[in-house]
PDB file of N, CA and C in Angstrom:
ATOM      1  N   MET A   1      -1.161  24.064  -5.652  1.00  0.00           N
ATOM      2  CA  MET A   1      -1.887  23.000  -6.299  1.00  0.00           C
ATOM      3  C   MET A   1      -3.252  23.531  -6.721  1.00  0.00           C
ATOM      4  N   PHE A   2      -3.644  23.229  -7.928  1.00  0.00           N
ATOM      5  CA  PHE A   2      -4.911  23.726  -8.428  1.00  0.00           C
ATOM      6  C   PHE A   2      -5.805  22.566  -8.822  1.00  0.00           C
ATOM      7  N   LEU A   3      -6.991  22.531  -8.265  1.00  0.00           N
ATOM      8  CA  LEU A   3      -7.973  21.520  -8.628  1.00  0.00           C
ATOM      9  C   LEU A   3      -9.021  22.149  -9.531  1.00  0.00           C
ATOM     10  N   SER A   4      -9.514  21.377 -10.472  1.00  0.00           N
ATOM     11  CA  SER A   4     -10.555  21.869 -11.364  1.00  0.00           C
ATOM     12  C   SER A   4     -11.855  22.053 -10.586  1.00  0.00           C
ATOM     13  N   ASP A   5     -12.743  22.855 -11.143  1.00  0.00           N
ATOM     14  CA  ASP A   5     -14.046  23.052 -10.512  1.00  0.00           C
ATOM     15  C   ASP A   5     -14.795  21.728 -10.402  1.00  0.00           C
ATOM     16  N   GLN A   6     -14.644  20.870 -11.408  1.00  0.00           N
ATOM     17  CA  GLN A   6     -15.307  19.567 -11.394  1.00  0.00           C
ATOM     18  C   GLN A   6     -14.776  18.705 -10.243  1.00  0.00           C
ATOM     19  N   ALA A   7     -13.478  18.730 -10.017  1.00  0.00           N
ATOM     20  CA  ALA A   7     -12.886  17.952  -8.927  1.00  0.00           C
ATOM     21  C   ALA A   7     -13.396  18.442  -7.576  1.00  0.00           C
ATOM     22  N   VAL A   8     -13.502  19.753  -7.420  1.00  0.00           N
ATOM     23  CA  VAL A   8     -14.006  20.317  -6.159  1.00  0.00           C
ATOM     24  C   VAL A   8     -15.479  19.951  -5.982  1.00  0.00           C
ATOM     25  N   LYS A   9     -16.230  19.962  -7.066  1.00  0.00           N
ATOM     26  CA  LYS A   9     -17.647  19.595  -7.005  1.00  0.00           C
ATOM     27  C   LYS A   9     -17.806  18.144  -6.548  1.00  0.00           C
ATOM     28  N   GLU A  10     -16.976  17.255  -7.083  1.00  0.00           N
ATOM     29  CA  GLU A  10     -17.024  15.854  -6.681  1.00  0.00           C
ATOM     30  C   GLU A  10     -16.641  15.694  -5.213  1.00  0.00           C
ATOM     31  N   PHE A  11     -15.612  16.421  -4.784  1.00  0.00           N
ATOM     32  CA  PHE A  11     -15.208  16.388  -3.377  1.00  0.00           C
ATOM     33  C   PHE A  11     -16.359  16.868  -2.493  1.00  0.00           C
ATOM     34  N   LYS A  12     -17.019  17.943  -2.916  1.00  0.00           N
ATOM     35  CA  LYS A  12     -18.147  18.507  -2.169  1.00  0.00           C
ATOM     36  C   LYS A  12     -19.243  17.472  -1.976  1.00  0.00           C
ATOM     37  N   GLU A  13     -19.590  16.757  -3.029  1.00  0.00           N
ATOM     38  CA  GLU A  13     -20.643  15.746  -2.953  1.00  0.00           C
ATOM     39  C   GLU A  13     -20.271  14.637  -1.968  1.00  0.00           C
ATOM     40  N   ILE A  14     -19.019  14.189  -2.040  1.00  0.00           N
ATOM     41  CA  ILE A  14     -18.555  13.131  -1.142  1.00  0.00           C
ATOM     42  C   ILE A  14     -18.517  13.634   0.294  1.00  0.00           C
ATOM     43  N   TYR A  15     -18.002  14.844   0.492  1.00  0.00           N
ATOM     44  CA  TYR A  15     -17.871  15.420   1.831  1.00  0.00           C
ATOM     45  C   TYR A  15     -19.247  15.569   2.482  1.00  0.00           C
ATOM     46  N   GLU A  16     -20.212  16.132   1.747  1.00  0.00           N
ATOM     47  CA  GLU A  16     -21.552  16.337   2.303  1.00  0.00           C
ATOM     48  C   GLU A  16     -22.221  15.009   2.634  1.00  0.00           C
ATOM     49  N   ALA A  17     -22.030  14.005   1.797  1.00  0.00           N
ATOM     50  CA  ALA A  17     -22.630  12.698   2.055  1.00  0.00           C
ATOM     51  C   ALA A  17     -22.002  12.042   3.289  1.00  0.00           C
ATOM     52  N   GLU A  18     -20.711  12.216   3.444  1.00  0.00           N
ATOM     53  CA  GLU A  18     -19.997  11.559   4.542  1.00  0.00           C
ATOM     54  C   GLU A  18     -20.182  12.273   5.875  1.00  0.00           C
ATOM     55  N   PHE A  19     -20.079  13.597   5.879  1.00  0.00           N
ATOM     56  CA  PHE A  19     -20.074  14.356   7.135  1.00  0.00           C
ATOM     57  C   PHE A  19     -21.372  15.102   7.425  1.00  0.00           C
ATOM     58  N   LYS A  20     -22.315  15.083   6.489  1.00  0.00           N
ATOM     59  CA  LYS A  20     -23.615  15.769   6.680  1.00  0.00           C
ATOM     60  C   LYS A  20     -23.423  17.222   7.097  1.00  0.00           C
ATOM     61  N   GLU A  21     -22.451  17.883   6.455  1.00  0.00           N
ATOM     62  CA  GLU A  21     -22.103  19.258   6.781  1.00  0.00           C
ATOM     63  C   GLU A  21     -21.925  20.032   5.480  1.00  0.00           C
ATOM     64  N   LYS A  22     -22.430  21.254   5.452  1.00  0.00           N
ATOM     65  CA  LYS A  22     -22.281  22.094   4.266  1.00  0.00           C
ATOM     66  C   LYS A  22     -21.293  23.215   4.570  1.00  0.00           C
ATOM     67  N   LEU A  23     -20.429  23.499   3.591  1.00  0.00           N
ATOM     68  CA  LEU A  23     -19.416  24.543   3.711  1.00  0.00           C
ATOM     69  C   LEU A  23     -19.556  25.504   2.539  1.00  0.00           C
ATOM     70  N   THR A  24     -18.765  26.556   2.542  1.00  0.00           N
ATOM     71  CA  THR A  24     -18.746  27.451   1.386  1.00  0.00           C
ATOM     72  C   THR A  24     -17.900  26.799   0.294  1.00  0.00           C
ATOM     73  N   ASP A  25     -18.064  27.259  -0.934  1.00  0.00           N
ATOM     74  CA  ASP A  25     -17.280  26.700  -2.038  1.00  0.00           C
ATOM     75  C   ASP A  25     -15.787  26.863  -1.792  1.00  0.00           C
ATOM     76  N   GLY A  26     -15.389  27.991  -1.213  1.00  0.00           N
ATOM     77  CA  GLY A  26     -13.978  28.215  -0.903  1.00  0.00           C
ATOM     78  C   GLY A  26     -13.448  27.227   0.122  1.00  0.00           C
ATOM     79  N   GLU A  27     -14.272  26.925   1.113  1.00  0.00           N
ATOM     80  CA  GLU A  27     -13.860  25.959   2.135  1.00  0.00           C
ATOM     81  C   GLU A  27     -13.727  24.555   1.545  1.00  0.00           C
ATOM     82  N   TYR A  28     -14.620  24.196   0.627  1.00  0.00           N
ATOM     83  CA  TYR A  28     -14.500  22.890  -0.031  1.00  0.00           C
ATOM     84  C   TYR A  28     -13.192  22.814  -0.811  1.00  0.00           C
ATOM     85  N   ARG A  29     -12.857  23.884  -1.519  1.00  0.00           N
ATOM     86  CA  ARG A  29     -11.627  23.897  -2.307  1.00  0.00           C
ATOM     87  C   ARG A  29     -10.405  23.738  -1.399  1.00  0.00           C
ATOM     88  N   VAL A  30     -10.369  24.474  -0.299  1.00  0.00           N
ATOM     89  CA  VAL A  30      -9.237  24.403   0.627  1.00  0.00           C
ATOM     90  C   VAL A  30      -9.128  22.999   1.222  1.00  0.00           C
ATOM     91  N   ARG A  31     -10.237  22.439   1.647  1.00  0.00           N
ATOM     92  CA  ARG A  31     -10.192  21.098   2.248  1.00  0.00           C
ATOM     93  C   ARG A  31      -9.802  20.042   1.232  1.00  0.00           C
ATOM     94  N   ALA A  32     -10.282  20.172   0.006  1.00  0.00           N
ATOM     95  CA  ALA A  32      -9.918  19.210  -1.035  1.00  0.00           C
ATOM     96  C   ALA A  32      -8.425  19.290  -1.344  1.00  0.00           C
ATOM     97  N   GLU A  33      -7.892  20.501  -1.456  1.00  0.00           N
ATOM     98  CA  GLU A  33      -6.468  20.669  -1.738  1.00  0.00           C
ATOM     99  C   GLU A  33      -5.618  20.168  -0.574  1.00  0.00           C
ATOM    100  N   ASN A  34      -6.055  20.442   0.653  1.00  0.00           N
ATOM    101  CA  ASN A  34      -5.324  19.948   1.824  1.00  0.00           C
ATOM    102  C   ASN A  34      -5.340  18.420   1.877  1.00  0.00           C
ATOM    103  N   PHE A  35      -6.476  17.831   1.563  1.00  0.00           N
ATOM    104  CA  PHE A  35      -6.582  16.376   1.548  1.00  0.00           C
ATOM    105  C   PHE A  35      -5.644  15.781   0.501  1.00  0.00           C
ATOM    106  N   LEU A  36      -5.606  16.388  -0.676  1.00  0.00           N
ATOM    107  CA  LEU A  36      -4.740  15.899  -1.737  1.00  0.00           C
ATOM    108  C   LEU A  36      -3.266  16.016  -1.336  1.00  0.00           C
ATOM    109  N   ARG A  37      -2.882  17.131  -0.717  1.00  0.00           N
ATOM    110  CA  ARG A  37      -1.508  17.299  -0.235  1.00  0.00           C
ATOM    111  C   ARG A  37      -1.155  16.232   0.806  1.00  0.00           C
ATOM    112  N   LEU A  38      -2.083  15.966   1.701  1.00  0.00           N
ATOM    113  CA  LEU A  38      -1.857  14.942   2.718  1.00  0.00           C
ATOM    114  C   LEU A  38      -1.641  13.582   2.054  1.00  0.00           C
ATOM    115  N   MET A  39      -2.459  13.231   1.083  1.00  0.00           N
ATOM    116  CA  MET A  39      -2.317  11.950   0.393  1.00  0.00           C
ATOM    117  C   MET A  39      -0.969  11.859  -0.323  1.00  0.00           C
ATOM    118  N   GLU A  40      -0.520  12.955  -0.894  1.00  0.00           N
ATOM    119  CA  GLU A  40       0.793  12.964  -1.546  1.00  0.00           C
ATOM    120  C   GLU A  40       1.904  12.710  -0.536  1.00  0.00           C
ATOM    121  N   LEU A  41       1.793  13.326   0.625  1.00  0.00           N
ATOM    122  CA  LEU A  41       2.826  13.164   1.652  1.00  0.00           C
ATOM    123  C   LEU A  41       2.882  11.747   2.198  1.00  0.00           C
ATOM    124  N   ILE A  42       1.740  11.159   2.454  1.00  0.00           N
ATOM    125  CA  ILE A  42       1.763   9.837   3.084  1.00  0.00           C
ATOM    126  C   ILE A  42       1.980   8.709   2.087  1.00  0.00           C
ATOM    127  N   THR A  43       1.839   8.983   0.803  1.00  0.00           N
ATOM    128  CA  THR A  43       2.082   7.933  -0.192  1.00  0.00           C
ATOM    129  C   THR A  43       3.426   8.090  -0.893  1.00  0.00           C
ATOM    130  N   LYS A  44       4.154   9.157  -0.585  1.00  0.00           N
ATOM    131  CA  LYS A  44       5.468   9.385  -1.180  1.00  0.00           C
ATOM    132  C   LYS A  44       6.439   8.341  -0.652  1.00  0.00           C
ATOM    133  N   PRO A  45       7.181   7.688  -1.531  1.00  0.00           N
ATOM    134  CA  PRO A  45       8.109   6.665  -1.050  1.00  0.00           C
ATOM    135  C   PRO A  45       9.213   7.286  -0.191  1.00  0.00           C
ATOM    136  N   THR A  46       9.655   6.521   0.783  1.00  0.00           N
ATOM    137  CA  THR A  46      10.764   6.972   1.610  1.00  0.00           C
ATOM    138  C   THR A  46      12.072   6.673   0.895  1.00  0.00           C
ATOM    139  N   ALA A  47      13.159   7.172   1.414  1.00  0.00           N
ATOM    140  CA  ALA A  47      14.471   6.953   0.789  1.00  0.00           C
ATOM    141  C   ALA A  47      14.787   5.464   0.699  1.00  0.00           C
ATOM    142  N   LYS A  48      14.367   4.675   1.674  1.00  0.00           N
ATOM    143  CA  LYS A  48      14.610   3.239   1.656  1.00  0.00           C
ATOM    144  C   LYS A  48      13.813   2.548   0.560  1.00  0.00           C
ATOM    145  N   GLU A  49      12.674   3.105   0.185  1.00  0.00           N
ATOM    146  CA  GLU A  49      11.792   2.478  -0.782  1.00  0.00           C
ATOM    147  C   GLU A  49      12.147   2.818  -2.235  1.00  0.00           C
ATOM    148  N   VAL A  50      12.886   3.887  -2.431  1.00  0.00           N
ATOM    149  CA  VAL A  50      13.233   4.328  -3.788  1.00  0.00           C
ATOM    150  C   VAL A  50      14.304   3.402  -4.345  1.00  0.00           C
ATOM    151  N   PRO A  51      14.045   2.805  -5.525  1.00  0.00           N
ATOM    152  CA  PRO A  51      15.062   1.913  -6.110  1.00  0.00           C
ATOM    153  C   PRO A  51      16.335   2.680  -6.464  1.00  0.00           C
ATOM    154  N   LYS A  52      17.472   2.056  -6.228  1.00  0.00           N
ATOM    155  CA  LYS A  52      18.759   2.684  -6.572  1.00  0.00           C
ATOM    156  C   LYS A  52      19.048   2.443  -8.039  1.00  0.00           C
ATOM    157  N   LYS A  53      19.620   3.457  -8.672  1.00  0.00           N
ATOM    158  CA  LYS A  53      19.938   3.355 -10.106  1.00  0.00           C
ATOM    159  C   LYS A  53      21.354   2.941 -10.320  1.00  0.00           C
TER     160      LYS A  53
END
């Protein structure tokens, strides 16, 4: 998964405001991508939720 530099910058701003912690740019990118993967996993419909065709 690839996030744009702008997306990582926005994540960085939110992360620093929320956690009062500074990381390297690489760490922000990894955490942003991991967060996005987590959101995809927990919002993916289950087999019961998928409409049958």
